[in-house]
PDB file of N, CA and C in Angstrom:
ATOM      1  N   MET A   1      -8.043  -8.532 -20.836  1.00  0.00           N
ATOM      2  CA  MET A   1      -7.402  -7.891 -19.707  1.00  0.00           C
ATOM      3  C   MET A   1      -5.931  -7.694 -20.054  1.00  0.00           C
ATOM      4  N   SER A   2      -5.422  -6.478 -19.874  1.00  0.00           N
ATOM      5  CA  SER A   2      -4.020  -6.202 -20.162  1.00  0.00           C
ATOM      6  C   SER A   2      -3.198  -6.301 -18.874  1.00  0.00           C
ATOM      7  N   LYS A   3      -1.964  -6.723 -19.029  1.00  0.00           N
ATOM      8  CA  LYS A   3      -1.066  -6.832 -17.886  1.00  0.00           C
ATOM      9  C   LYS A   3       0.016  -5.784 -18.021  1.00  0.00           C
ATOM     10  N   GLN A   4       0.316  -5.121 -16.936  1.00  0.00           N
ATOM     11  CA  GLN A   4       1.364  -4.123 -16.913  1.00  0.00           C
ATOM     12  C   GLN A   4       2.649  -4.803 -16.445  1.00  0.00           C
ATOM     13  N   VAL A   5       3.711  -4.628 -17.202  1.00  0.00           N
ATOM     14  CA  VAL A   5       4.988  -5.243 -16.863  1.00  0.00           C
ATOM     15  C   VAL A   5       5.951  -4.136 -16.470  1.00  0.00           C
ATOM     16  N   ILE A   6       6.578  -4.303 -15.344  1.00  0.00           N
ATOM     17  CA  ILE A   6       7.574  -3.348 -14.873  1.00  0.00           C
ATOM     18  C   ILE A   6       8.939  -3.914 -15.238  1.00  0.00           C
ATOM     19  N   ASN A   7       9.722  -3.133 -15.971  1.00  0.00           N
ATOM     20  CA  ASN A   7      11.009  -3.619 -16.458  1.00  0.00           C
ATOM     21  C   ASN A   7      12.071  -3.674 -15.377  1.00  0.00           C
ATOM     22  N   GLN A   8      12.062  -2.720 -14.465  1.00  0.00           N
ATOM     23  CA  GLN A   8      13.097  -2.684 -13.453  1.00  0.00           C
ATOM     24  C   GLN A   8      12.497  -2.944 -12.075  1.00  0.00           C
ATOM     25  N   VAL A   9      13.014  -3.960 -11.413  1.00  0.00           N
ATOM     26  CA  VAL A   9      12.559  -4.307 -10.076  1.00  0.00           C
ATOM     27  C   VAL A   9      13.768  -4.265  -9.154  1.00  0.00           C
ATOM     28  N   ASP A  10      13.615  -3.624  -8.011  1.00  0.00           N
ATOM     29  CA  ASP A  10      14.701  -3.559  -7.032  1.00  0.00           C
ATOM     30  C   ASP A  10      14.790  -4.917  -6.323  1.00  0.00           C
ATOM     31  N   LEU A  11      15.810  -5.679  -6.675  1.00  0.00           N
ATOM     32  CA  LEU A  11      15.949  -7.024  -6.119  1.00  0.00           C
ATOM     33  C   LEU A  11      16.313  -7.015  -4.647  1.00  0.00           C
ATOM     34  N   ALA A  12      16.844  -5.896  -4.150  1.00  0.00           N
ATOM     35  CA  ALA A  12      17.219  -5.801  -2.738  1.00  0.00           C
ATOM     36  C   ALA A  12      16.039  -5.376  -1.860  1.00  0.00           C
ATOM     37  N   GLU A  13      14.919  -5.032  -2.489  1.00  0.00           N
ATOM     38  CA  GLU A  13      13.751  -4.571  -1.736  1.00  0.00           C
ATOM     39  C   GLU A  13      13.174  -5.710  -0.890  1.00  0.00           C
ATOM     40  N   LYS A  14      12.837  -5.406   0.348  1.00  0.00           N
ATOM     41  CA  LYS A  14      12.211  -6.388   1.233  1.00  0.00           C
ATOM     42  C   LYS A  14      10.790  -6.630   0.745  1.00  0.00           C
ATOM     43  N   ARG A  15      10.395  -7.887   0.690  1.00  0.00           N
ATOM     44  CA  ARG A  15       9.042  -8.257   0.265  1.00  0.00           C
ATOM     45  C   ARG A  15       8.347  -9.004   1.398  1.00  0.00           C
ATOM     46  N   TYR A  16       7.062  -8.752   1.532  1.00  0.00           N
ATOM     47  CA  TYR A  16       6.269  -9.375   2.595  1.00  0.00           C
ATOM     48  C   TYR A  16       5.138 -10.181   1.966  1.00  0.00           C
ATOM     49  N   SER A  17       4.876 -11.360   2.517  1.00  0.00           N
ATOM     50  CA  SER A  17       3.730 -12.157   2.075  1.00  0.00           C
ATOM     51  C   SER A  17       2.463 -11.530   2.648  1.00  0.00           C
ATOM     52  N   GLU A  18       1.314 -11.966   2.152  1.00  0.00           N
ATOM     53  CA  GLU A  18       0.048 -11.447   2.675  1.00  0.00           C
ATOM     54  C   GLU A  18      -0.061 -11.701   4.176  1.00  0.00           C
ATOM     55  N   ASP A  19       0.317 -12.904   4.603  1.00  0.00           N
ATOM     56  CA  ASP A  19       0.224 -13.242   6.022  1.00  0.00           C
ATOM     57  C   ASP A  19       1.123 -12.346   6.873  1.00  0.00           C
ATOM     58  N   GLU A  20       2.315 -12.045   6.370  1.00  0.00           N
ATOM     59  CA  GLU A  20       3.221 -11.170   7.113  1.00  0.00           C
ATOM     60  C   GLU A  20       2.647  -9.766   7.243  1.00  0.00           C
ATOM     61  N   VAL A  21       2.054  -9.252   6.169  1.00  0.00           N
ATOM     62  CA  VAL A  21       1.464  -7.909   6.212  1.00  0.00           C
ATOM     63  C   VAL A  21       0.347  -7.860   7.248  1.00  0.00           C
ATOM     64  N   VAL A  22      -0.486  -8.903   7.282  1.00  0.00           N
ATOM     65  CA  VAL A  22      -1.590  -8.950   8.241  1.00  0.00           C
ATOM     66  C   VAL A  22      -1.057  -9.137   9.662  1.00  0.00           C
ATOM     67  N   ASP A  23      -0.157 -10.092   9.861  1.00  0.00           N
ATOM     68  CA  ASP A  23       0.362 -10.392  11.201  1.00  0.00           C
ATOM     69  C   ASP A  23       1.142  -9.225  11.798  1.00  0.00           C
ATOM     70  N   LEU A  24       1.926  -8.526  10.965  1.00  0.00           N
ATOM     71  CA  LEU A  24       2.716  -7.400  11.454  1.00  0.00           C
ATOM     72  C   LEU A  24       1.911  -6.109  11.533  1.00  0.00           C
ATOM     73  N   GLY A  25       0.728  -6.095  10.936  1.00  0.00           N
ATOM     74  CA  GLY A  25      -0.117  -4.906  10.969  1.00  0.00           C
ATOM     75  C   GLY A  25       0.468  -3.739  10.183  1.00  0.00           C
ATOM     76  N   LEU A  26       1.190  -4.038   9.105  1.00  0.00           N
ATOM     77  CA  LEU A  26       1.874  -2.995   8.350  1.00  0.00           C
ATOM     78  C   LEU A  26       0.924  -1.990   7.709  1.00  0.00           C
ATOM     79  N   LEU A  27      -0.266  -2.429   7.337  1.00  0.00           N
ATOM     80  CA  LEU A  27      -1.217  -1.541   6.668  1.00  0.00           C
ATOM     81  C   LEU A  27      -2.497  -1.341   7.470  1.00  0.00           C
ATOM     82  N   GLY A  28      -2.525  -1.848   8.675  1.00  0.00           N
ATOM     83  CA  GLY A  28      -3.718  -1.708   9.496  1.00  0.00           C
ATOM     84  C   GLY A  28      -4.837  -2.659   9.101  1.00  0.00           C
ATOM     85  N   CYS A  29      -4.517  -3.668   8.302  1.00  0.00           N
ATOM     86  CA  CYS A  29      -5.515  -4.649   7.862  1.00  0.00           C
ATOM     87  C   CYS A  29      -5.512  -5.838   8.821  1.00  0.00           C
ATOM     88  N   ARG A  30      -6.698  -6.344   9.097  1.00  0.00           N
ATOM     89  CA  ARG A  30      -6.792  -7.492  10.001  1.00  0.00           C
ATOM     90  C   ARG A  30      -6.987  -8.818   9.283  1.00  0.00           C
ATOM     91  N   ASN A  31      -7.275  -8.753   7.967  1.00  0.00           N
ATOM     92  CA  ASN A  31      -7.426  -9.995   7.230  1.00  0.00           C
ATOM     93  C   ASN A  31      -7.026  -9.828   5.770  1.00  0.00           C
ATOM     94  N   ARG A  32      -6.835 -10.951   5.104  1.00  0.00           N
ATOM     95  CA  ARG A  32      -6.326 -10.959   3.736  1.00  0.00           C
ATOM     96  C   ARG A  32      -7.335 -10.429   2.735  1.00  0.00           C
ATOM     97  N   ILE A  33      -8.628 -10.555   3.005  1.00  0.00           N
ATOM     98  CA  ILE A  33      -9.634 -10.094   2.047  1.00  0.00           C
ATOM     99  C   ILE A  33      -9.560  -8.577   1.873  1.00  0.00           C
ATOM    100  N   THR A  34      -9.194  -7.852   2.930  1.00  0.00           N
ATOM    101  CA  THR A  34      -9.034  -6.405   2.826  1.00  0.00           C
ATOM    102  C   THR A  34      -7.892  -6.076   1.877  1.00  0.00           C
ATOM    103  N   LEU A  35      -6.797  -6.814   1.970  1.00  0.00           N
ATOM    104  CA  LEU A  35      -5.680  -6.619   1.051  1.00  0.00           C
ATOM    105  C   LEU A  35      -6.117  -6.893  -0.388  1.00  0.00           C
ATOM    106  N   HIS A  36      -6.883  -7.960  -0.577  1.00  0.00           N
ATOM    107  CA  HIS A  36      -7.386  -8.305  -1.906  1.00  0.00           C
ATOM    108  C   HIS A  36      -8.249  -7.178  -2.470  1.00  0.00           C
ATOM    109  N   ARG A  37      -9.114  -6.627  -1.667  1.00  0.00           N
ATOM    110  CA  ARG A  37      -9.987  -5.534  -2.124  1.00  0.00           C
ATOM    111  C   ARG A  37      -9.182  -4.306  -2.516  1.00  0.00           C
ATOM    112  N   ARG A  38      -8.151  -3.996  -1.749  1.00  0.00           N
ATOM    113  CA  ARG A  38      -7.323  -2.825  -2.059  1.00  0.00           C
ATOM    114  C   ARG A  38      -6.485  -3.065  -3.311  1.00  0.00           C
ATOM    115  N   ARG A  39      -6.031  -4.309  -3.509  1.00  0.00           N
ATOM    116  CA  ARG A  39      -5.325  -4.654  -4.758  1.00  0.00           C
ATOM    117  C   ARG A  39      -6.255  -4.509  -5.946  1.00  0.00           C
ATOM    118  N   LYS A  40      -7.454  -5.060  -5.812  1.00  0.00           N
ATOM    119  CA  LYS A  40      -8.432  -5.046  -6.895  1.00  0.00           C
ATOM    120  C   LYS A  40      -8.844  -3.615  -7.255  1.00  0.00           C
ATOM    121  N   ALA A  41      -8.901  -2.738  -6.257  1.00  0.00           N
ATOM    122  CA  ALA A  41      -9.251  -1.330  -6.488  1.00  0.00           C
ATOM    123  C   ALA A  41      -8.096  -0.566  -7.131  1.00  0.00           C
ATOM    124  N   GLY A  42      -6.916  -1.163  -7.145  1.00  0.00           N
ATOM    125  CA  GLY A  42      -5.765  -0.529  -7.767  1.00  0.00           C
ATOM    126  C   GLY A  42      -5.039   0.468  -6.881  1.00  0.00           C
ATOM    127  N   VAL A  43      -5.323   0.459  -5.587  1.00  0.00           N
ATOM    128  CA  VAL A  43      -4.683   1.411  -4.683  1.00  0.00           C
ATOM    129  C   VAL A  43      -3.476   0.813  -3.960  1.00  0.00           C
ATOM    130  N   LEU A  44      -3.279  -0.486  -4.092  1.00  0.00           N
ATOM    131  CA  LEU A  44      -2.172  -1.161  -3.428  1.00  0.00           C
ATOM    132  C   LEU A  44      -1.430  -2.017  -4.449  1.00  0.00           C
ATOM    133  N   GLY A  45      -0.170  -1.670  -4.690  1.00  0.00           N
ATOM    134  CA  GLY A  45       0.640  -2.433  -5.630  1.00  0.00           C
ATOM    135  C   GLY A  45       1.092  -3.749  -5.017  1.00  0.00           C
ATOM    136  N   PHE A  46       1.485  -4.686  -5.873  1.00  0.00           N
ATOM    137  CA  PHE A  46       1.909  -5.996  -5.383  1.00  0.00           C
ATOM    138  C   PHE A  46       2.684  -6.724  -6.461  1.00  0.00           C
ATOM    139  N   TYR A  47       3.351  -7.790  -6.061  1.00  0.00           N
ATOM    140  CA  TYR A  47       4.005  -8.718  -6.975  1.00  0.00           C
ATOM    141  C   TYR A  47       3.254 -10.037  -6.896  1.00  0.00           C
ATOM    142  N   ARG A  48       3.083 -10.697  -8.035  1.00  0.00           N
ATOM    143  CA  ARG A  48       2.544 -12.055  -8.035  1.00  0.00           C
ATOM    144  C   ARG A  48       3.654 -12.956  -8.562  1.00  0.00           C
ATOM    145  N   ILE A  49       4.103 -13.850  -7.709  1.00  0.00           N
ATOM    146  CA  ILE A  49       5.156 -14.794  -8.073  1.00  0.00           C
ATOM    147  C   ILE A  49       4.560 -16.182  -7.940  1.00  0.00           C
ATOM    148  N   GLY A  50       4.370 -16.826  -9.075  1.00  0.00           N
ATOM    149  CA  GLY A  50       3.645 -18.091  -9.074  1.00  0.00           C
ATOM    150  C   GLY A  50       2.211 -17.798  -8.674  1.00  0.00           C
ATOM    151  N   GLY A  51       1.705 -18.490  -7.687  1.00  0.00           N
ATOM    152  CA  GLY A  51       0.349 -18.246  -7.211  1.00  0.00           C
ATOM    153  C   GLY A  51       0.300 -17.390  -5.958  1.00  0.00           C
ATOM    154  N   ARG A  52       1.456 -16.895  -5.527  1.00  0.00           N
ATOM    155  CA  ARG A  52       1.517 -16.139  -4.275  1.00  0.00           C
ATOM    156  C   ARG A  52       1.624 -14.646  -4.528  1.00  0.00           C
ATOM    157  N   VAL A  53       1.121 -13.879  -3.569  1.00  0.00           N
ATOM    158  CA  VAL A  53       1.135 -12.423  -3.653  1.00  0.00           C
ATOM    159  C   VAL A  53       2.106 -11.884  -2.609  1.00  0.00           C
ATOM    160  N   TYR A  54       2.943 -10.947  -3.042  1.00  0.00           N
ATOM    161  CA  TYR A  54       3.906 -10.303  -2.155  1.00  0.00           C
ATOM    162  C   TYR A  54       3.792  -8.794  -2.302  1.00  0.00           C
ATOM    163  N   TYR A  55       4.092  -8.086  -1.208  1.00  0.00           N
ATOM    164  CA  TYR A  55       4.077  -6.627  -1.197  1.00  0.00           C
ATOM    165  C   TYR A  55       5.489  -6.149  -0.898  1.00  0.00           C
ATOM    166  N   GLY A  56       6.021  -5.294  -1.761  1.00  0.00           N
ATOM    167  CA  GLY A  56       7.346  -4.725  -1.540  1.00  0.00           C
ATOM    168  C   GLY A  56       7.260  -3.530  -0.611  1.00  0.00           C
ATOM    169  N   GLU A  57       8.399  -3.159  -0.045  1.00  0.00           N
ATOM    170  CA  GLU A  57       8.433  -1.978   0.824  1.00  0.00           C
ATOM    171  C   GLU A  57       7.933  -0.741   0.082  1.00  0.00           C
ATOM    172  N   GLY A  58       8.270  -0.639  -1.192  1.00  0.00           N
ATOM    173  CA  GLY A  58       7.816   0.491  -1.999  1.00  0.00           C
ATOM    174  C   GLY A  58       6.306   0.534  -2.131  1.00  0.00           C
ATOM    175  N   HIS A  59       5.686  -0.627  -2.310  1.00  0.00           N
ATOM    176  CA  HIS A  59       4.222  -0.694  -2.396  1.00  0.00           C
ATOM    177  C   HIS A  59       3.587  -0.211  -1.100  1.00  0.00           C
ATOM    178  N   ILE A  60       4.159  -0.655   0.014  1.00  0.00           N
ATOM    179  CA  ILE A  60       3.619  -0.294   1.325  1.00  0.00           C
ATOM    180  C   ILE A  60       3.782   1.200   1.576  1.00  0.00           C
ATOM    181  N   LYS A  61       4.968   1.746   1.275  1.00  0.00           N
ATOM    182  CA  LYS A  61       5.199   3.178   1.470  1.00  0.00           C
ATOM    183  C   LYS A  61       4.286   4.027   0.599  1.00  0.00           C
ATOM    184  N   ASN A  62       4.118   3.638  -0.661  1.00  0.00           N
ATOM    185  CA  ASN A  62       3.234   4.386  -1.566  1.00  0.00           C
ATOM    186  C   ASN A  62       1.791   4.364  -1.082  1.00  0.00           C
ATOM    187  N   TYR A  63       1.341   3.198  -0.615  1.00  0.00           N
ATOM    188  CA  TYR A  63      -0.037   3.099  -0.119  1.00  0.00           C
ATOM    189  C   TYR A  63      -0.236   3.986   1.109  1.00  0.00           C
ATOM    190  N   LEU A  64       0.709   3.926   2.052  1.00  0.00           N
ATOM    191  CA  LEU A  64       0.585   4.734   3.263  1.00  0.00           C
ATOM    192  C   LEU A  64       0.639   6.229   2.934  1.00  0.00           C
ATOM    193  N   ALA A  65       1.470   6.608   1.975  1.00  0.00           N
ATOM    194  CA  ALA A  65       1.547   8.011   1.569  1.00  0.00           C
ATOM    195  C   ALA A  65       0.221   8.476   0.958  1.00  0.00           C
ATOM    196  N   SER A  66      -0.449   7.586   0.226  1.00  0.00           N
ATOM    197  CA  SER A  66      -1.733   7.957  -0.380  1.00  0.00           C
ATOM    198  C   SER A  66      -2.836   8.086   0.665  1.00  0.00           C
ATOM    199  N   CYS A  67      -2.639   7.483   1.827  1.00  0.00           N
ATOM    200  CA  CYS A  67      -3.636   7.545   2.899  1.00  0.00           C
ATOM    201  C   CYS A  67      -3.427   8.741   3.825  1.00  0.00           C
ATOM    202  N   GLU A  68      -2.278   9.400   3.694  1.00  0.00           N
ATOM    203  CA  GLU A  68      -1.949  10.506   4.594  1.00  0.00           C
ATOM    204  C   GLU A  68      -2.903  11.675   4.365  1.00  0.00           C
ATOM    205  N   ARG A  69      -3.344  12.261   5.451  1.00  0.00           N
ATOM    206  CA  ARG A  69      -4.238  13.416   5.390  1.00  0.00           C
ATOM    207  C   ARG A  69      -3.654  14.538   6.221  1.00  0.00           C
ATOM    208  N   ASN A  70      -3.738  15.752   5.704  1.00  0.00           N
ATOM    209  CA  ASN A  70      -3.294  16.932   6.440  1.00  0.00           C
ATOM    210  C   ASN A  70      -4.512  17.589   7.057  1.00  0.00           C
ATOM    211  N   THR A  71      -4.362  18.081   8.266  1.00  0.00           N
ATOM    212  CA  THR A  71      -5.485  18.726   8.935  1.00  0.00           C
ATOM    213  C   THR A  71      -5.237  20.214   9.023  1.00  0.00           C
ATOM    214  N   SER A  72      -6.324  20.956   9.080  1.00  0.00           N
ATOM    215  CA  SER A  72      -6.230  22.399   9.267  1.00  0.00           C
ATOM    216  C   SER A  72      -7.149  22.771  10.421  1.00  0.00           C
ATOM    217  N   PRO A  73      -6.913  23.905  11.051  1.00  0.00           N
ATOM    218  CA  PRO A  73      -7.769  24.308  12.158  1.00  0.00           C
ATOM    219  C   PRO A  73      -9.212  24.508  11.676  1.00  0.00           C
ATOM    220  N   LYS A  74     -10.159  24.333  12.574  1.00  0.00           N
ATOM    221  CA  LYS A  74     -11.562  24.541  12.228  1.00  0.00           C
ATOM    222  C   LYS A  74     -11.765  25.956  11.718  1.00  0.00           C
ATOM    223  N   GLY A  75     -12.529  26.070  10.680  1.00  0.00           N
ATOM    224  CA  GLY A  75     -12.819  27.384  10.134  1.00  0.00           C
ATOM    225  C   GLY A  75     -11.767  27.880   9.167  1.00  0.00           C
ATOM    226  N   GLY A  76     -10.775  27.047   8.853  1.00  0.00           N
ATOM    227  CA  GLY A  76      -9.762  27.440   7.889  1.00  0.00           C
ATOM    228  C   GLY A  76      -8.628  28.226   8.522  1.00  0.00           C
ATOM    229  N   VAL A  77      -7.950  29.008   7.711  1.00  0.00           N
ATOM    230  CA  VAL A  77      -6.785  29.764   8.149  1.00  0.00           C
ATOM    231  C   VAL A  77      -7.234  31.051   8.829  1.00  0.00           C
ATOM    232  N   ARG A  78      -6.602  31.359   9.953  1.00  0.00           N
ATOM    233  CA  ARG A  78      -6.951  32.574  10.683  1.00  0.00           C
ATOM    234  C   ARG A  78      -5.881  33.638  10.485  1.00  0.00           C
ATOM    235  N   ASN A  79      -6.300  34.876  10.485  1.00  0.00           N
ATOM    236  CA  ASN A  79      -5.359  36.006  10.427  1.00  0.00           C
ATOM    237  C   ASN A  79      -4.827  36.280  11.818  1.00  0.00           C
ATOM    238  N   ALA A  80      -3.530  36.504  11.914  1.00  0.00           N
ATOM    239  CA  ALA A  80      -2.921  36.836  13.199  1.00  0.00           C
ATOM    240  C   ALA A  80      -2.796  38.357  13.272  1.00  0.00           C
ATOM    241  N   ALA A  81      -3.883  39.036  13.596  1.00  0.00           N
ATOM    242  CA  ALA A  81      -3.866  40.509  13.619  1.00  0.00           C
ATOM    243  C   ALA A  81      -3.970  41.057  15.008  1.00  0.00           C
TER     244      ALA A  81
END
């Protein structure tokens, strides 16, 4: 298994523990296992410091941006004639 190392980390970035993410409802998750599944799938970035997992504001913003969906009217685009 290879590990990816990020050379530059924003030290001023706010970090949240798993419990904080769940309690504050930042990602719409109700339990920690959902966070684990999203981490394992590679769709949610995180920091591991010692044995603990933390999520930076950047990780949360990137995840939410990847979940964003644009809607269009039924039947596609209409001509205004």
